[in-house]
PDB file of N, CA and C in Angstrom:
ATOM      1  N   MET A   1      -8.106  -9.160  17.371  1.00  0.00           N
ATOM      2  CA  MET A   1      -8.064  -7.726  17.157  1.00  0.00           C
ATOM      3  C   MET A   1      -7.782  -7.456  15.682  1.00  0.00           C
ATOM      4  N   VAL A   2      -8.629  -6.698  15.035  1.00  0.00           N
ATOM      5  CA  VAL A   2      -8.457  -6.353  13.627  1.00  0.00           C
ATOM      6  C   VAL A   2      -7.827  -4.980  13.555  1.00  0.00           C
ATOM      7  N   ILE A   3      -6.770  -4.884  12.794  1.00  0.00           N
ATOM      8  CA  ILE A   3      -6.082  -3.614  12.634  1.00  0.00           C
ATOM      9  C   ILE A   3      -6.275  -3.162  11.197  1.00  0.00           C
ATOM     10  N   ALA A   4      -7.044  -2.118  11.017  1.00  0.00           N
ATOM     11  CA  ALA A   4      -7.326  -1.621   9.678  1.00  0.00           C
ATOM     12  C   ALA A   4      -6.585  -0.318   9.451  1.00  0.00           C
ATOM     13  N   VAL A   5      -6.090  -0.160   8.270  1.00  0.00           N
ATOM     14  CA  VAL A   5      -5.412   1.071   7.898  1.00  0.00           C
ATOM     15  C   VAL A   5      -6.451   1.973   7.242  1.00  0.00           C
ATOM     16  N   ASN A   6      -6.503   3.202   7.667  1.00  0.00           N
ATOM     17  CA  ASN A   6      -7.432   4.159   7.093  1.00  0.00           C
ATOM     18  C   ASN A   6      -7.089   4.346   5.614  1.00  0.00           C
ATOM     19  N   LYS A   7      -8.047   4.049   4.757  1.00  0.00           N
ATOM     20  CA  LYS A   7      -7.825   4.068   3.313  1.00  0.00           C
ATOM     21  C   LYS A   7      -7.443   5.462   2.813  1.00  0.00           C
ATOM     22  N   LYS A   8      -8.122   6.473   3.330  1.00  0.00           N
ATOM     23  CA  LYS A   8      -7.836   7.843   2.902  1.00  0.00           C
ATOM     24  C   LYS A   8      -6.401   8.240   3.257  1.00  0.00           C
ATOM     25  N   GLU A   9      -6.010   7.904   4.476  1.00  0.00           N
ATOM     26  CA  GLU A   9      -4.649   8.217   4.920  1.00  0.00           C
ATOM     27  C   GLU A   9      -3.620   7.455   4.094  1.00  0.00           C
ATOM     28  N   PHE A  10      -3.923   6.197   3.825  1.00  0.00           N
ATOM     29  CA  PHE A  10      -3.020   5.369   3.026  1.00  0.00           C
ATOM     30  C   PHE A  10      -2.836   5.973   1.639  1.00  0.00           C
ATOM     31  N   LEU A  11      -3.940   6.327   0.974  1.00  0.00           N
ATOM     32  CA  LEU A  11      -3.864   6.895  -0.375  1.00  0.00           C
ATOM     33  C   LEU A  11      -3.097   8.216  -0.372  1.00  0.00           C
ATOM     34  N   HIS A  12      -3.338   9.031   0.652  1.00  0.00           N
ATOM     35  CA  HIS A  12      -2.631  10.313   0.758  1.00  0.00           C
ATOM     36  C   HIS A  12      -1.130  10.100   0.933  1.00  0.00           C
ATOM     37  N   GLU A  13      -0.772   9.215   1.843  1.00  0.00           N
ATOM     38  CA  GLU A  13       0.648   8.943   2.110  1.00  0.00           C
ATOM     39  C   GLU A  13       1.321   8.311   0.898  1.00  0.00           C
ATOM     40  N   LEU A  14       0.623   7.415   0.231  1.00  0.00           N
ATOM     41  CA  LEU A  14       1.164   6.781  -0.969  1.00  0.00           C
ATOM     42  C   LEU A  14       1.411   7.813  -2.065  1.00  0.00           C
ATOM     43  N   SER A  15       0.473   8.703  -2.259  1.00  0.00           N
ATOM     44  CA  SER A  15       0.624   9.761  -3.257  1.00  0.00           C
ATOM     45  C   SER A  15       1.799  10.670  -2.920  1.00  0.00           C
ATOM     46  N   LYS A  16       1.917  10.997  -1.642  1.00  0.00           N
ATOM     47  CA  LYS A  16       2.998  11.868  -1.181  1.00  0.00           C
ATOM     48  C   LYS A  16       4.370  11.232  -1.411  1.00  0.00           C
ATOM     49  N   GLN A  17       4.490   9.929  -1.110  1.00  0.00           N
ATOM     50  CA  GLN A  17       5.789   9.270  -1.199  1.00  0.00           C
ATOM     51  C   GLN A  17       6.155   8.816  -2.610  1.00  0.00           C
ATOM     52  N   THR A  18       5.166   8.659  -3.486  1.00  0.00           N
ATOM     53  CA  THR A  18       5.452   8.120  -4.820  1.00  0.00           C
ATOM     54  C   THR A  18       5.192   9.101  -5.951  1.00  0.00           C
ATOM     55  N   ASN A  19       4.536  10.207  -5.661  1.00  0.00           N
ATOM     56  CA  ASN A  19       4.133  11.182  -6.683  1.00  0.00           C
ATOM     57  C   ASN A  19       3.177  10.584  -7.720  1.00  0.00           C
ATOM     58  N   LEU A  20       2.412   9.574  -7.323  1.00  0.00           N
ATOM     59  CA  LEU A  20       1.389   9.026  -8.204  1.00  0.00           C
ATOM     60  C   LEU A  20       0.156   9.920  -8.155  1.00  0.00           C
ATOM     61  N   THR A  21      -0.620   9.895  -9.222  1.00  0.00           N
ATOM     62  CA  THR A  21      -1.860  10.661  -9.246  1.00  0.00           C
ATOM     63  C   THR A  21      -2.896   9.981  -8.354  1.00  0.00           C
ATOM     64  N   GLU A  22      -3.995  10.665  -8.114  1.00  0.00           N
ATOM     65  CA  GLU A  22      -5.064  10.088  -7.292  1.00  0.00           C
ATOM     66  C   GLU A  22      -5.601   8.806  -7.929  1.00  0.00           C
ATOM     67  N   ASN A  23      -5.824   8.827  -9.237  1.00  0.00           N
ATOM     68  CA  ASN A  23      -6.315   7.633  -9.929  1.00  0.00           C
ATOM     69  C   ASN A  23      -5.319   6.479  -9.850  1.00  0.00           C
ATOM     70  N   GLU A  24      -4.038   6.777  -9.949  1.00  0.00           N
ATOM     71  CA  GLU A  24      -3.019   5.736  -9.855  1.00  0.00           C
ATOM     72  C   GLU A  24      -2.960   5.138  -8.451  1.00  0.00           C
ATOM     73  N   THR A  25      -3.088   5.987  -7.430  1.00  0.00           N
ATOM     74  CA  THR A  25      -3.063   5.458  -6.066  1.00  0.00           C
ATOM     75  C   THR A  25      -4.289   4.583  -5.796  1.00  0.00           C
ATOM     76  N   ILE A  26      -5.419   4.954  -6.347  1.00  0.00           N
ATOM     77  CA  ILE A  26      -6.625   4.138  -6.201  1.00  0.00           C
ATOM     78  C   ILE A  26      -6.435   2.796  -6.889  1.00  0.00           C
ATOM     79  N   LEU A  27      -5.816   2.814  -8.067  1.00  0.00           N
ATOM     80  CA  LEU A  27      -5.537   1.571  -8.791  1.00  0.00           C
ATOM     81  C   LEU A  27      -4.584   0.683  -7.993  1.00  0.00           C
ATOM     82  N   VAL A  28      -3.549   1.268  -7.419  1.00  0.00           N
ATOM     83  CA  VAL A  28      -2.608   0.521  -6.581  1.00  0.00           C
ATOM     84  C   VAL A  28      -3.356  -0.101  -5.401  1.00  0.00           C
ATOM     85  N   ASN A  29      -4.196   0.685  -4.757  1.00  0.00           N
ATOM     86  CA  ASN A  29      -4.956   0.172  -3.616  1.00  0.00           C
ATOM     87  C   ASN A  29      -5.875  -0.976  -4.035  1.00  0.00           C
ATOM     88  N   ASP A  30      -6.523  -0.842  -5.171  1.00  0.00           N
ATOM     89  CA  ASP A  30      -7.403  -1.914  -5.661  1.00  0.00           C
ATOM     90  C   ASP A  30      -6.626  -3.211  -5.884  1.00  0.00           C
ATOM     91  N   ILE A  31      -5.437  -3.091  -6.453  1.00  0.00           N
ATOM     92  CA  ILE A  31      -4.594  -4.269  -6.683  1.00  0.00           C
ATOM     93  C   ILE A  31      -4.200  -4.895  -5.350  1.00  0.00           C
ATOM     94  N   LEU A  32      -3.815  -4.068  -4.398  1.00  0.00           N
ATOM     95  CA  LEU A  32      -3.413  -4.577  -3.084  1.00  0.00           C
ATOM     96  C   LEU A  32      -4.572  -5.259  -2.363  1.00  0.00           C
ATOM     97  N   GLU A  33      -5.758  -4.674  -2.471  1.00  0.00           N
ATOM     98  CA  GLU A  33      -6.921  -5.265  -1.812  1.00  0.00           C
ATOM     99  C   GLU A  33      -7.315  -6.602  -2.428  1.00  0.00           C
ATOM    100  N   LYS A  34      -6.960  -6.796  -3.685  1.00  0.00           N
ATOM    101  CA  LYS A  34      -7.273  -8.052  -4.362  1.00  0.00           C
ATOM    102  C   LYS A  34      -6.406  -9.200  -3.837  1.00  0.00           C
ATOM    103  N   HIS A  35      -5.276  -8.859  -3.261  1.00  0.00           N
ATOM    104  CA  HIS A  35      -4.330  -9.843  -2.725  1.00  0.00           C
ATOM    105  C   HIS A  35      -4.085  -9.544  -1.250  1.00  0.00           C
ATOM    106  N   PHE A  36      -3.600 -10.516  -0.530  1.00  0.00           N
ATOM    107  CA  PHE A  36      -3.103 -10.240   0.816  1.00  0.00           C
ATOM    108  C   PHE A  36      -1.654  -9.817   0.616  1.00  0.00           C
ATOM    109  N   PHE A  37      -1.422  -8.535   0.476  1.00  0.00           N
ATOM    110  CA  PHE A  37      -0.169  -8.064  -0.108  1.00  0.00           C
ATOM    111  C   PHE A  37       1.058  -8.199   0.763  1.00  0.00           C
ATOM    112  N   ILE A  38       0.924  -8.430   2.039  1.00  0.00           N
ATOM    113  CA  ILE A  38       2.119  -8.588   2.863  1.00  0.00           C
ATOM    114  C   ILE A  38       2.685  -9.998   2.714  1.00  0.00           C
ATOM    115  N   SER A  39       1.927 -10.876   2.135  1.00  0.00           N
ATOM    116  CA  SER A  39       2.370 -12.243   1.902  1.00  0.00           C
ATOM    117  C   SER A  39       3.470 -12.274   0.843  1.00  0.00           C
ATOM    118  N   ARG A  40       4.525 -13.010   1.105  1.00  0.00           N
ATOM    119  CA  ARG A  40       5.647 -13.102   0.155  1.00  0.00           C
ATOM    120  C   ARG A  40       5.240 -13.743  -1.168  1.00  0.00           C
ATOM    121  N   LYS A  41       4.311 -14.696  -1.098  1.00  0.00           N
ATOM    122  CA  LYS A  41       3.962 -15.401  -2.327  1.00  0.00           C
ATOM    123  C   LYS A  41       3.174 -14.523  -3.296  1.00  0.00           C
ATOM    124  N   ASN A  42       2.535 -13.473  -2.817  1.00  0.00           N
ATOM    125  CA  ASN A  42       1.785 -12.574  -3.695  1.00  0.00           C
ATOM    126  C   ASN A  42       2.603 -11.385  -4.189  1.00  0.00           C
ATOM    127  N   LYS A  43       3.769 -11.195  -3.633  1.00  0.00           N
ATOM    128  CA  LYS A  43       4.585 -10.033  -3.982  1.00  0.00           C
ATOM    129  C   LYS A  43       4.827  -9.948  -5.488  1.00  0.00           C
ATOM    130  N   ASP A  44       5.248 -11.034  -6.111  1.00  0.00           N
ATOM    131  CA  ASP A  44       5.546 -11.010  -7.545  1.00  0.00           C
ATOM    132  C   ASP A  44       4.297 -10.753  -8.389  1.00  0.00           C
ATOM    133  N   LYS A  45       3.165 -11.325  -7.966  1.00  0.00           N
ATOM    134  CA  LYS A  45       1.909 -11.088  -8.686  1.00  0.00           C
ATOM    135  C   LYS A  45       1.525  -9.612  -8.634  1.00  0.00           C
ATOM    136  N   ILE A  46       1.635  -9.036  -7.458  1.00  0.00           N
ATOM    137  CA  ILE A  46       1.267  -7.633  -7.273  1.00  0.00           C
ATOM    138  C   ILE A  46       2.175  -6.725  -8.080  1.00  0.00           C
ATOM    139  N   ILE A  47       3.458  -6.964  -7.999  1.00  0.00           N
ATOM    140  CA  ILE A  47       4.416  -6.140  -8.744  1.00  0.00           C
ATOM    141  C   ILE A  47       4.158  -6.257 -10.250  1.00  0.00           C
ATOM    142  N   SER A  48       3.873  -7.459 -10.718  1.00  0.00           N
ATOM    143  CA  SER A  48       3.554  -7.657 -12.141  1.00  0.00           C
ATOM    144  C   SER A  48       2.314  -6.866 -12.542  1.00  0.00           C
ATOM    145  N   GLU A  49       1.299  -6.874 -11.688  1.00  0.00           N
ATOM    146  CA  GLU A  49       0.094  -6.104 -11.989  1.00  0.00           C
ATOM    147  C   GLU A  49       0.376  -4.611 -12.003  1.00  0.00           C
ATOM    148  N   PHE A  50       1.230  -4.137 -11.090  1.00  0.00           N
ATOM    149  CA  PHE A  50       1.615  -2.725 -11.109  1.00  0.00           C
ATOM    150  C   PHE A  50       2.261  -2.368 -12.446  1.00  0.00           C
ATOM    151  N   VAL A  51       3.179  -3.215 -12.898  1.00  0.00           N
ATOM    152  CA  VAL A  51       3.884  -2.961 -14.161  1.00  0.00           C
ATOM    153  C   VAL A  51       2.889  -2.844 -15.308  1.00  0.00           C
ATOM    154  N   ILE A  52       1.968  -3.788 -15.378  1.00  0.00           N
ATOM    155  CA  ILE A  52       1.008  -3.818 -16.485  1.00  0.00           C
ATOM    156  C   ILE A  52      -0.010  -2.690 -16.380  1.00  0.00           C
ATOM    157  N   GLN A  53      -0.651  -2.559 -15.229  1.00  0.00           N
ATOM    158  CA  GLN A  53      -1.755  -1.614 -15.089  1.00  0.00           C
ATOM    159  C   GLN A  53      -1.303  -0.151 -15.037  1.00  0.00           C
ATOM    160  N   LEU A  54      -0.118   0.097 -14.471  1.00  0.00           N
ATOM    161  CA  LEU A  54       0.375   1.467 -14.379  1.00  0.00           C
ATOM    162  C   LEU A  54       1.342   1.809 -15.512  1.00  0.00           C
ATOM    163  N   ASP A  55       1.700   0.792 -16.303  1.00  0.00           N
ATOM    164  CA  ASP A  55       2.637   0.957 -17.414  1.00  0.00           C
ATOM    165  C   ASP A  55       3.944   1.592 -16.921  1.00  0.00           C
ATOM    166  N   ILE A  56       4.563   0.908 -15.951  1.00  0.00           N
ATOM    167  CA  ILE A  56       5.807   1.388 -15.348  1.00  0.00           C
ATOM    168  C   ILE A  56       6.845   0.266 -15.380  1.00  0.00           C
ATOM    169  N   SER A  57       8.075   0.629 -15.044  1.00  0.00           N
ATOM    170  CA  SER A  57       9.158  -0.357 -15.030  1.00  0.00           C
ATOM    171  C   SER A  57       9.032  -1.284 -13.825  1.00  0.00           C
ATOM    172  N   LEU A  58       9.721  -2.394 -13.904  1.00  0.00           N
ATOM    173  CA  LEU A  58       9.749  -3.354 -12.800  1.00  0.00           C
ATOM    174  C   LEU A  58      10.354  -2.720 -11.557  1.00  0.00           C
ATOM    175  N   ASP A  59      11.406  -1.924 -11.732  1.00  0.00           N
ATOM    176  CA  ASP A  59      12.036  -1.258 -10.584  1.00  0.00           C
ATOM    177  C   ASP A  59      11.072  -0.290  -9.899  1.00  0.00           C
ATOM    178  N   LYS A  60      10.334   0.489 -10.684  1.00  0.00           N
ATOM    179  CA  LYS A  60       9.373   1.440 -10.126  1.00  0.00           C
ATOM    180  C   LYS A  60       8.240   0.694  -9.410  1.00  0.00           C
ATOM    181  N   ALA A  61       7.773  -0.403 -10.003  1.00  0.00           N
ATOM    182  CA  ALA A  61       6.709  -1.203  -9.391  1.00  0.00           C
ATOM    183  C   ALA A  61       7.175  -1.792  -8.062  1.00  0.00           C
ATOM    184  N   THR A  62       8.403  -2.264  -8.020  1.00  0.00           N
ATOM    185  CA  THR A  62       8.961  -2.813  -6.783  1.00  0.00           C
ATOM    186  C   THR A  62       9.076  -1.725  -5.722  1.00  0.00           C
ATOM    187  N   GLU A  63       9.484  -0.546  -6.135  1.00  0.00           N
ATOM    188  CA  GLU A  63       9.591   0.584  -5.215  1.00  0.00           C
ATOM    189  C   GLU A  63       8.215   0.942  -4.636  1.00  0.00           C
ATOM    190  N   ILE A  64       7.191   0.969  -5.472  1.00  0.00           N
ATOM    191  CA  ILE A  64       5.835   1.270  -5.011  1.00  0.00           C
ATOM    192  C   ILE A  64       5.370   0.202  -4.024  1.00  0.00           C
ATOM    193  N   TYR A  65       5.626  -1.063  -4.345  1.00  0.00           N
ATOM    194  CA  TYR A  65       5.257  -2.165  -3.446  1.00  0.00           C
ATOM    195  C   TYR A  65       5.915  -1.977  -2.080  1.00  0.00           C
ATOM    196  N   ASN A  66       7.203  -1.679  -2.074  1.00  0.00           N
ATOM    197  CA  ASN A  66       7.932  -1.512  -0.818  1.00  0.00           C
ATOM    198  C   ASN A  66       7.429  -0.314  -0.018  1.00  0.00           C
ATOM    199  N   ILE A  67       7.058   0.750  -0.708  1.00  0.00           N
ATOM    200  CA  ILE A  67       6.508   1.923  -0.022  1.00  0.00           C
ATOM    201  C   ILE A  67       5.162   1.562   0.606  1.00  0.00           C
ATOM    202  N   CYS A  68       4.315   0.847  -0.130  1.00  0.00           N
ATOM    203  CA  CYS A  68       3.018   0.419   0.406  1.00  0.00           C
ATOM    204  C   CYS A  68       3.212  -0.440   1.649  1.00  0.00           C
ATOM    205  N   LYS A  69       4.134  -1.355   1.570  1.00  0.00           N
ATOM    206  CA  LYS A  69       4.417  -2.250   2.691  1.00  0.00           C
ATOM    207  C   LYS A  69       4.890  -1.448   3.912  1.00  0.00           C
ATOM    208  N   LYS A  70       5.728  -0.469   3.667  1.00  0.00           N
ATOM    209  CA  LYS A  70       6.250   0.370   4.753  1.00  0.00           C
ATOM    210  C   LYS A  70       5.143   1.205   5.392  1.00  0.00           C
ATOM    211  N   ILE A  71       4.263   1.777   4.581  1.00  0.00           N
ATOM    212  CA  ILE A  71       3.162   2.595   5.100  1.00  0.00           C
ATOM    213  C   ILE A  71       2.264   1.748   6.004  1.00  0.00           C
ATOM    214  N   VAL A  72       1.879   0.574   5.508  1.00  0.00           N
ATOM    215  CA  VAL A  72       0.992  -0.298   6.281  1.00  0.00           C
ATOM    216  C   VAL A  72       1.692  -0.786   7.550  1.00  0.00           C
ATOM    217  N   SER A  73       2.943  -1.183   7.435  1.00  0.00           N
ATOM    218  CA  SER A  73       3.692  -1.659   8.609  1.00  0.00           C
ATOM    219  C   SER A  73       3.796  -0.576   9.671  1.00  0.00           C
ATOM    220  N   ASN A  74       4.091   0.643   9.258  1.00  0.00           N
ATOM    221  CA  ASN A  74       4.194   1.751  10.209  1.00  0.00           C
ATOM    222  C   ASN A  74       2.860   2.017  10.886  1.00  0.00           C
ATOM    223  N   GLU A  75       1.779   1.913  10.126  1.00  0.00           N
ATOM    224  CA  GLU A  75       0.453   2.140  10.700  1.00  0.00           C
ATOM    225  C   GLU A  75       0.106   1.045  11.711  1.00  0.00           C
ATOM    226  N   ILE A  76       0.440  -0.178  11.398  1.00  0.00           N
ATOM    227  CA  ILE A  76       0.182  -1.284  12.324  1.00  0.00           C
ATOM    228  C   ILE A  76       0.989  -1.111  13.600  1.00  0.00           C
ATOM    229  N   ILE A  77       2.245  -0.784  13.472  1.00  0.00           N
ATOM    230  CA  ILE A  77       3.099  -0.562  14.646  1.00  0.00           C
ATOM    231  C   ILE A  77       2.546   0.580  15.497  1.00  0.00           C
ATOM    232  N   ASN A  78       2.127   1.650  14.850  1.00  0.00           N
ATOM    233  CA  ASN A  78       1.572   2.790  15.580  1.00  0.00           C
ATOM    234  C   ASN A  78       0.313   2.392  16.344  1.00  0.00           C
ATOM    235  N   LYS A  79      -0.552   1.603  15.722  1.00  0.00           N
ATOM    236  CA  LYS A  79      -1.786   1.179  16.382  1.00  0.00           C
ATOM    237  C   LYS A  79      -1.505   0.202  17.516  1.00  0.00           C
ATOM    238  N   LEU A  80      -0.465  -0.585  17.398  1.00  0.00           N
ATOM    239  CA  LEU A  80      -0.105  -1.490  18.484  1.00  0.00           C
ATOM    240  C   LEU A  80       0.490  -0.729  19.666  1.00  0.00           C
ATOM    241  N   LYS A  81       1.234   0.328  19.373  1.00  0.00           N
ATOM    242  CA  LYS A  81       1.830   1.138  20.440  1.00  0.00           C
ATOM    243  C   LYS A  81       0.790   2.002  21.137  1.00  0.00           C
ATOM    244  N   HIS A  82      -0.234   2.406  20.396  1.00  0.00           N
ATOM    245  CA  HIS A  82      -1.244   3.324  20.924  1.00  0.00           C
ATOM    246  C   HIS A  82      -2.642   2.763  20.658  1.00  0.00           C
ATOM    247  N   PRO A  83      -2.993   1.662  21.314  1.00  0.00           N
ATOM    248  CA  PRO A  83      -4.255   0.971  20.985  1.00  0.00           C
ATOM    249  C   PRO A  83      -5.521   1.741  21.355  1.00  0.00           C
ATOM    250  N   PHE A  84      -5.423   2.712  22.240  1.00  0.00           N
ATOM    251  CA  PHE A  84      -6.631   3.414  22.674  1.00  0.00           C
ATOM    252  C   PHE A  84      -6.796   4.782  22.036  1.00  0.00           C
ATOM    253  N   GLU A  85      -5.914   5.147  21.130  1.00  0.00           N
ATOM    254  CA  GLU A  85      -6.069   6.411  20.416  1.00  0.00           C
ATOM    255  C   GLU A  85      -7.234   6.300  19.460  1.00  0.00           C
ATOM    256  N   ASP A  86      -7.834   7.434  19.155  1.00  0.00           N
ATOM    257  CA  ASP A  86      -8.901   7.453  18.165  1.00  0.00           C
ATOM    258  C   ASP A  86      -8.301   7.072  16.825  1.00  0.00           C
ATOM    259  N   GLN A  87      -8.828   6.029  16.207  1.00  0.00           N
ATOM    260  CA  GLN A  87      -8.258   5.515  14.970  1.00  0.00           C
ATOM    261  C   GLN A  87      -9.180   5.725  13.788  1.00  0.00           C
ATOM    262  N   ASN A  88      -9.987   6.761  13.823  1.00  0.00           N
ATOM    263  CA  ASN A  88     -10.890   7.070  12.703  1.00  0.00           C
ATOM    264  C   ASN A  88     -10.199   7.886  11.670  1.00  0.00           C
TER     265      ASN A  88
END
């Protein structure tokens, strides 16, 4: 079973929780898609890319990473609890 997170919803929620611009959220998503971001071994790489590409502090990059992880985790849990809901 493949569980996909709706990209539009993800970008909207990320923007809402982080106050990033639309272009910044797209950049964050591109970085995440380049890595399997829930993996612990990629966490430092992703955070480093956030710092460089978004020109932000390490603390802010870590916060963005954690918010992304939380959004995706919540979406996965929701889809597991409600597997027959329309997921478009």
